[in-house]
Amino acid sequence: MVKKRAIGFVVALFATGLIGCASNSETGTMENAGATAGRVVDDSVITAKVKSALIADSTTKAYQINVETFEGTVQLSGFVDDAEARRRATQVAKNVEGVRDVDNKLELRDQG
């Protein structure tokens, strides 16, 4: 009887150890969630800075340029009147701190 209790105790202790290890992986998941939330905040800040920079620039300020950011890559979309405004939008975005890359999907308006 005592031997069965001792074995049961050891099994319970072992199971508790396994659960403890499992909770460490949960902590890792929580840390990843925190890192993801931090990235989203960083991307939002970059988006706001790029929008402000585009508005402040004399070549791009008159255009409705959509800006989205994911993991430091800025995507520009919308329409501009000429190739110079398209090129300048890329340049302005690349000069913003935190921008890793710019994906310029701006299209030229049909002038016809």
N, C-alpha and C. Protein backbone atom coordinates (compact mmCIF):
# COMPACT_ATOMS: atom_id res chain seq x y z
N MET A 1 0.82 -1.19 0.00
CA MET A 1 0.00 0.00 0.00
C MET A 1 0.86 1.26 0.00
N VAL A 2 1.90 1.26 0.83
CA VAL A 2 2.80 2.41 0.89
C VAL A 2 3.54 2.56 -0.43
N LYS A 3 3.90 1.43 -1.02
CA LYS A 3 4.61 1.45 -2.29
C LYS A 3 3.73 2.04 -3.39
N LYS A 4 2.44 1.72 -3.41
CA LYS A 4 1.53 2.26 -4.41
C LYS A 4 1.39 3.77 -4.25
N ARG A 5 1.32 4.24 -3.01
CA ARG A 5 1.23 5.68 -2.75
C ARG A 5 2.49 6.39 -3.22
N ALA A 6 3.64 5.76 -2.95
CA ALA A 6 4.90 6.35 -3.37
C ALA A 6 4.96 6.44 -4.89
N ILE A 7 4.54 5.39 -5.57
CA ILE A 7 4.53 5.39 -7.03
C ILE A 7 3.55 6.45 -7.54
N GLY A 8 2.39 6.52 -6.92
CA GLY A 8 1.40 7.53 -7.28
C GLY A 8 1.94 8.94 -7.09
N PHE A 9 2.66 9.15 -6.00
CA PHE A 9 3.27 10.45 -5.72
C PHE A 9 4.29 10.80 -6.79
N VAL A 10 5.13 9.84 -7.17
CA VAL A 10 6.15 10.07 -8.19
C VAL A 10 5.49 10.38 -9.53
N VAL A 11 4.44 9.65 -9.88
CA VAL A 11 3.72 9.89 -11.13
C VAL A 11 3.11 11.29 -11.10
N ALA A 12 2.48 11.67 -9.99
CA ALA A 12 1.89 13.00 -9.87
C ALA A 12 2.96 14.09 -9.99
N LEU A 13 4.09 13.86 -9.36
CA LEU A 13 5.20 14.83 -9.43
C LEU A 13 5.70 14.95 -10.86
N PHE A 14 5.84 13.83 -11.55
CA PHE A 14 6.28 13.83 -12.93
C PHE A 14 5.29 14.57 -13.82
N ALA A 15 4.00 14.32 -13.61
CA ALA A 15 2.95 14.98 -14.40
C ALA A 15 2.98 16.49 -14.15
N THR A 16 3.20 16.88 -12.91
CA THR A 16 3.28 18.30 -12.58
C THR A 16 4.47 18.94 -13.31
N GLY A 17 5.57 18.21 -13.37
CA GLY A 17 6.74 18.72 -14.09
C GLY A 17 6.44 18.91 -15.56
N LEU A 18 5.70 17.98 -16.15
CA LEU A 18 5.33 18.12 -17.56
C LEU A 18 4.42 19.31 -17.78
N ILE A 19 3.49 19.51 -16.87
CA ILE A 19 2.58 20.66 -16.98
C ILE A 19 3.38 21.95 -16.87
N GLY A 20 4.36 21.96 -15.98
CA GLY A 20 5.21 23.13 -15.84
C GLY A 20 5.95 23.45 -17.12
N CYS A 21 6.42 22.41 -17.81
CA CYS A 21 7.09 22.62 -19.09
C CYS A 21 6.11 23.16 -20.12
N ALA A 22 4.91 22.66 -20.09
CA ALA A 22 3.90 23.13 -21.04
C ALA A 22 3.60 24.60 -20.80
N SER A 23 3.60 25.01 -19.55
CA SER A 23 3.31 26.41 -19.28
C SER A 23 4.42 27.31 -19.78
N ASN A 24 5.65 26.81 -19.87
CA ASN A 24 6.73 27.60 -20.43
C ASN A 24 6.47 27.89 -21.90
N SER A 25 5.92 26.92 -22.62
CA SER A 25 5.61 27.18 -24.02
C SER A 25 4.48 28.20 -24.14
N GLU A 26 3.56 28.20 -23.17
CA GLU A 26 2.51 29.21 -23.16
C GLU A 26 3.11 30.60 -22.96
N THR A 27 4.11 30.68 -22.08
CA THR A 27 4.77 31.96 -21.87
C THR A 27 5.40 32.43 -23.17
N GLY A 28 6.02 31.49 -23.90
CA GLY A 28 6.58 31.84 -25.20
C GLY A 28 5.52 32.38 -26.13
N THR A 29 4.35 31.79 -26.10
CA THR A 29 3.25 32.26 -26.93
C THR A 29 2.84 33.67 -26.52
N MET A 30 2.79 33.91 -25.22
CA MET A 30 2.44 35.25 -24.74
C MET A 30 3.50 36.26 -25.15
N GLU A 31 4.76 35.86 -25.07
CA GLU A 31 5.83 36.77 -25.50
C GLU A 31 5.69 37.06 -26.98
N ASN A 32 5.36 36.03 -27.78
CA ASN A 32 5.15 36.25 -29.21
C ASN A 32 3.97 37.19 -29.45
N ALA A 33 2.91 37.03 -28.66
CA ALA A 33 1.76 37.91 -28.80
C ALA A 33 2.16 39.34 -28.49
N GLY A 34 2.98 39.52 -27.46
CA GLY A 34 3.47 40.85 -27.12
C GLY A 34 4.32 41.43 -28.23
N ALA A 35 5.17 40.59 -28.82
CA ALA A 35 6.01 41.04 -29.92
C ALA A 35 5.15 41.42 -31.12
N THR A 36 4.09 40.65 -31.37
CA THR A 36 3.19 40.96 -32.47
C THR A 36 2.47 42.28 -32.22
N ALA A 37 2.01 42.47 -31.01
CA ALA A 37 1.33 43.73 -30.67
C ALA A 37 2.30 44.90 -30.82
N GLY A 38 3.54 44.71 -30.41
CA GLY A 38 4.54 45.76 -30.55
C GLY A 38 4.80 46.08 -32.01
N ARG A 39 4.84 45.06 -32.86
CA ARG A 39 5.05 45.27 -34.29
C ARG A 39 3.90 46.05 -34.90
N VAL A 40 2.67 45.72 -34.47
CA VAL A 40 1.50 46.41 -34.99
C VAL A 40 1.56 47.89 -34.62
N VAL A 41 1.95 48.18 -33.38
CA VAL A 41 2.08 49.57 -32.95
C VAL A 41 3.16 50.25 -33.77
N ASP A 42 4.31 49.59 -33.94
CA ASP A 42 5.39 50.17 -34.73
C ASP A 42 4.93 50.44 -36.16
N ASP A 43 4.23 49.49 -36.77
CA ASP A 43 3.73 49.67 -38.12
C ASP A 43 2.76 50.84 -38.20
N SER A 44 1.93 50.99 -37.18
CA SER A 44 0.98 52.11 -37.16
C SER A 44 1.71 53.44 -37.08
N VAL A 45 2.76 53.49 -36.30
CA VAL A 45 3.55 54.72 -36.17
C VAL A 45 4.22 55.04 -37.50
N ILE A 46 4.78 54.03 -38.15
CA ILE A 46 5.41 54.23 -39.45
C ILE A 46 4.39 54.74 -40.46
N THR A 47 3.21 54.13 -40.48
CA THR A 47 2.15 54.57 -41.40
C THR A 47 1.82 56.05 -41.19
N ALA A 48 1.67 56.44 -39.94
CA ALA A 48 1.35 57.84 -39.63
C ALA A 48 2.47 58.78 -40.06
N LYS A 49 3.70 58.38 -39.83
CA LYS A 49 4.84 59.22 -40.22
C LYS A 49 4.93 59.36 -41.74
N VAL A 50 4.70 58.26 -42.45
CA VAL A 50 4.75 58.32 -43.92
C VAL A 50 3.63 59.22 -44.45
N LYS A 51 2.42 59.09 -43.91
CA LYS A 51 1.31 59.93 -44.35
C LYS A 51 1.64 61.41 -44.12
N SER A 52 2.19 61.71 -42.95
CA SER A 52 2.56 63.10 -42.63
C SER A 52 3.62 63.61 -43.58
N ALA A 53 4.61 62.78 -43.86
CA ALA A 53 5.70 63.18 -44.76
C ALA A 53 5.17 63.42 -46.18
N LEU A 54 4.24 62.59 -46.63
CA LEU A 54 3.67 62.77 -47.96
C LEU A 54 2.85 64.06 -48.04
N ILE A 55 2.12 64.38 -46.98
CA ILE A 55 1.33 65.62 -46.95
C ILE A 55 2.25 66.84 -46.91
N ALA A 56 3.36 66.74 -46.20
CA ALA A 56 4.30 67.86 -46.07
C ALA A 56 5.10 68.10 -47.35
N ASP A 57 5.23 67.09 -48.19
CA ASP A 57 6.03 67.23 -49.41
C ASP A 57 5.22 67.95 -50.49
N SER A 58 5.82 68.95 -51.11
CA SER A 58 5.10 69.76 -52.10
C SER A 58 4.68 68.98 -53.34
N THR A 59 5.39 67.92 -53.68
CA THR A 59 5.06 67.14 -54.87
C THR A 59 3.91 66.17 -54.62
N THR A 60 3.82 65.64 -53.42
CA THR A 60 2.83 64.59 -53.13
C THR A 60 1.64 65.05 -52.29
N LYS A 61 1.68 66.27 -51.77
CA LYS A 61 0.65 66.70 -50.81
C LYS A 61 -0.76 66.78 -51.38
N ALA A 62 -0.89 67.01 -52.66
CA ALA A 62 -2.21 67.20 -53.25
C ALA A 62 -2.90 65.87 -53.59
N TYR A 63 -2.23 64.76 -53.39
CA TYR A 63 -2.78 63.47 -53.79
C TYR A 63 -3.31 62.69 -52.61
N GLN A 64 -4.35 61.90 -52.91
CA GLN A 64 -4.91 60.97 -51.93
C GLN A 64 -4.14 59.67 -52.06
N ILE A 65 -3.09 59.50 -51.24
CA ILE A 65 -2.26 58.31 -51.30
C ILE A 65 -2.55 57.47 -50.07
N ASN A 66 -2.94 56.22 -50.31
CA ASN A 66 -3.19 55.30 -49.21
C ASN A 66 -1.88 54.67 -48.78
N VAL A 67 -1.70 54.55 -47.46
CA VAL A 67 -0.47 54.00 -46.90
C VAL A 67 -0.82 52.88 -45.94
N GLU A 68 -0.20 51.74 -46.15
CA GLU A 68 -0.33 50.61 -45.23
C GLU A 68 1.07 50.10 -44.94
N THR A 69 1.29 49.61 -43.72
CA THR A 69 2.60 49.11 -43.33
C THR A 69 2.46 47.75 -42.69
N PHE A 70 3.35 46.83 -43.07
CA PHE A 70 3.42 45.51 -42.46
C PHE A 70 4.87 45.13 -42.29
N GLU A 71 5.28 44.93 -41.05
CA GLU A 71 6.65 44.56 -40.70
C GLU A 71 7.67 45.51 -41.33
N GLY A 72 7.35 46.80 -41.33
CA GLY A 72 8.28 47.81 -41.82
C GLY A 72 8.24 48.04 -43.32
N THR A 73 7.47 47.24 -44.04
CA THR A 73 7.32 47.45 -45.47
C THR A 73 6.08 48.30 -45.72
N VAL A 74 6.28 49.43 -46.37
CA VAL A 74 5.20 50.38 -46.64
C VAL A 74 4.65 50.12 -48.04
N GLN A 75 3.32 50.03 -48.12
CA GLN A 75 2.67 49.89 -49.42
C GLN A 75 1.91 51.17 -49.70
N LEU A 76 2.21 51.75 -50.85
CA LEU A 76 1.53 52.96 -51.30
C LEU A 76 0.55 52.56 -52.40
N SER A 77 -0.68 53.08 -52.31
CA SER A 77 -1.67 52.80 -53.35
C SER A 77 -2.52 54.04 -53.58
N GLY A 78 -3.20 54.05 -54.70
CA GLY A 78 -4.02 55.19 -55.07
C GLY A 78 -3.63 55.67 -56.46
N PHE A 79 -3.98 56.92 -56.75
CA PHE A 79 -3.71 57.48 -58.07
C PHE A 79 -2.98 58.81 -57.96
N VAL A 80 -2.05 59.03 -58.87
CA VAL A 80 -1.35 60.31 -58.98
C VAL A 80 -1.40 60.72 -60.45
N ASP A 81 -1.10 62.01 -60.71
CA ASP A 81 -1.21 62.52 -62.07
C ASP A 81 -0.02 62.21 -62.96
N ASP A 82 1.19 62.07 -62.36
CA ASP A 82 2.36 61.88 -63.20
C ASP A 82 3.41 60.99 -62.53
N ALA A 83 4.37 60.58 -63.35
CA ALA A 83 5.42 59.68 -62.90
C ALA A 83 6.29 60.33 -61.83
N GLU A 84 6.46 61.65 -61.88
CA GLU A 84 7.28 62.34 -60.88
C GLU A 84 6.65 62.23 -59.49
N ALA A 85 5.34 62.37 -59.39
CA ALA A 85 4.66 62.25 -58.10
C ALA A 85 4.77 60.81 -57.59
N ARG A 86 4.70 59.84 -58.47
CA ARG A 86 4.84 58.43 -58.10
C ARG A 86 6.25 58.17 -57.56
N ARG A 87 7.26 58.65 -58.29
CA ARG A 87 8.65 58.47 -57.87
C ARG A 87 8.93 59.18 -56.55
N ARG A 88 8.42 60.40 -56.43
CA ARG A 88 8.66 61.19 -55.22
C ARG A 88 8.01 60.54 -54.00
N ALA A 89 6.84 59.93 -54.16
CA ALA A 89 6.17 59.26 -53.04
C ALA A 89 7.04 58.13 -52.50
N THR A 90 7.66 57.37 -53.39
CA THR A 90 8.57 56.30 -52.95
C THR A 90 9.74 56.88 -52.18
N GLN A 91 10.33 57.93 -52.71
CA GLN A 91 11.48 58.55 -52.07
C GLN A 91 11.12 59.09 -50.69
N VAL A 92 10.00 59.77 -50.58
CA VAL A 92 9.56 60.33 -49.29
C VAL A 92 9.36 59.21 -48.28
N ALA A 93 8.68 58.14 -48.69
CA ALA A 93 8.41 57.03 -47.77
C ALA A 93 9.71 56.36 -47.31
N LYS A 94 10.66 56.16 -48.23
CA LYS A 94 11.93 55.51 -47.88
C LYS A 94 12.73 56.33 -46.87
N ASN A 95 12.52 57.63 -46.84
CA ASN A 95 13.26 58.50 -45.93
C ASN A 95 12.69 58.53 -44.51
N VAL A 96 11.57 57.87 -44.29
CA VAL A 96 10.95 57.84 -42.96
C VAL A 96 11.64 56.77 -42.11
N GLU A 97 11.97 57.15 -40.89
CA GLU A 97 12.64 56.22 -39.96
C GLU A 97 11.77 54.99 -39.71
N GLY A 98 12.38 53.82 -39.79
CA GLY A 98 11.68 52.57 -39.54
C GLY A 98 11.21 51.86 -40.79
N VAL A 99 11.21 52.56 -41.92
CA VAL A 99 10.76 51.95 -43.18
C VAL A 99 11.87 51.06 -43.71
N ARG A 100 11.55 49.80 -43.90
CA ARG A 100 12.52 48.83 -44.44
C ARG A 100 12.47 48.76 -45.95
N ASP A 101 11.25 48.89 -46.50
CA ASP A 101 11.07 48.77 -47.95
C ASP A 101 9.79 49.49 -48.33
N VAL A 102 9.67 49.86 -49.60
CA VAL A 102 8.46 50.51 -50.10
C VAL A 102 7.96 49.75 -51.32
N ASP A 103 6.69 49.37 -51.27
CA ASP A 103 6.02 48.71 -52.38
C ASP A 103 5.07 49.74 -52.99
N ASN A 104 5.50 50.36 -54.08
CA ASN A 104 4.72 51.44 -54.68
C ASN A 104 3.74 50.87 -55.70
N LYS A 105 2.48 50.88 -55.34
CA LYS A 105 1.41 50.42 -56.23
C LYS A 105 0.57 51.60 -56.73
N LEU A 106 1.15 52.81 -56.66
CA LEU A 106 0.45 53.99 -57.15
C LEU A 106 0.27 53.87 -58.65
N GLU A 107 -0.90 54.28 -59.12
CA GLU A 107 -1.20 54.23 -60.54
C GLU A 107 -1.36 55.65 -61.08
N LEU A 108 -1.02 55.82 -62.35
CA LEU A 108 -1.17 57.11 -62.98
C LEU A 108 -2.62 57.27 -63.45
N ARG A 109 -3.17 58.46 -63.19
CA ARG A 109 -4.53 58.75 -63.65
C ARG A 109 -4.52 58.85 -65.16
N ASP A 110 -5.60 58.39 -65.73
CA ASP A 110 -5.76 58.51 -67.19
C ASP A 110 -6.01 59.98 -67.50
N GLN A 111 -5.14 60.58 -68.23
CA GLN A 111 -5.24 62.01 -68.54
C GLN A 111 -6.17 62.31 -69.72
N GLY A 112 -6.73 61.25 -70.29
CA GLY A 112 -7.55 61.43 -71.50
C GLY A 112 -8.94 61.71 -71.26
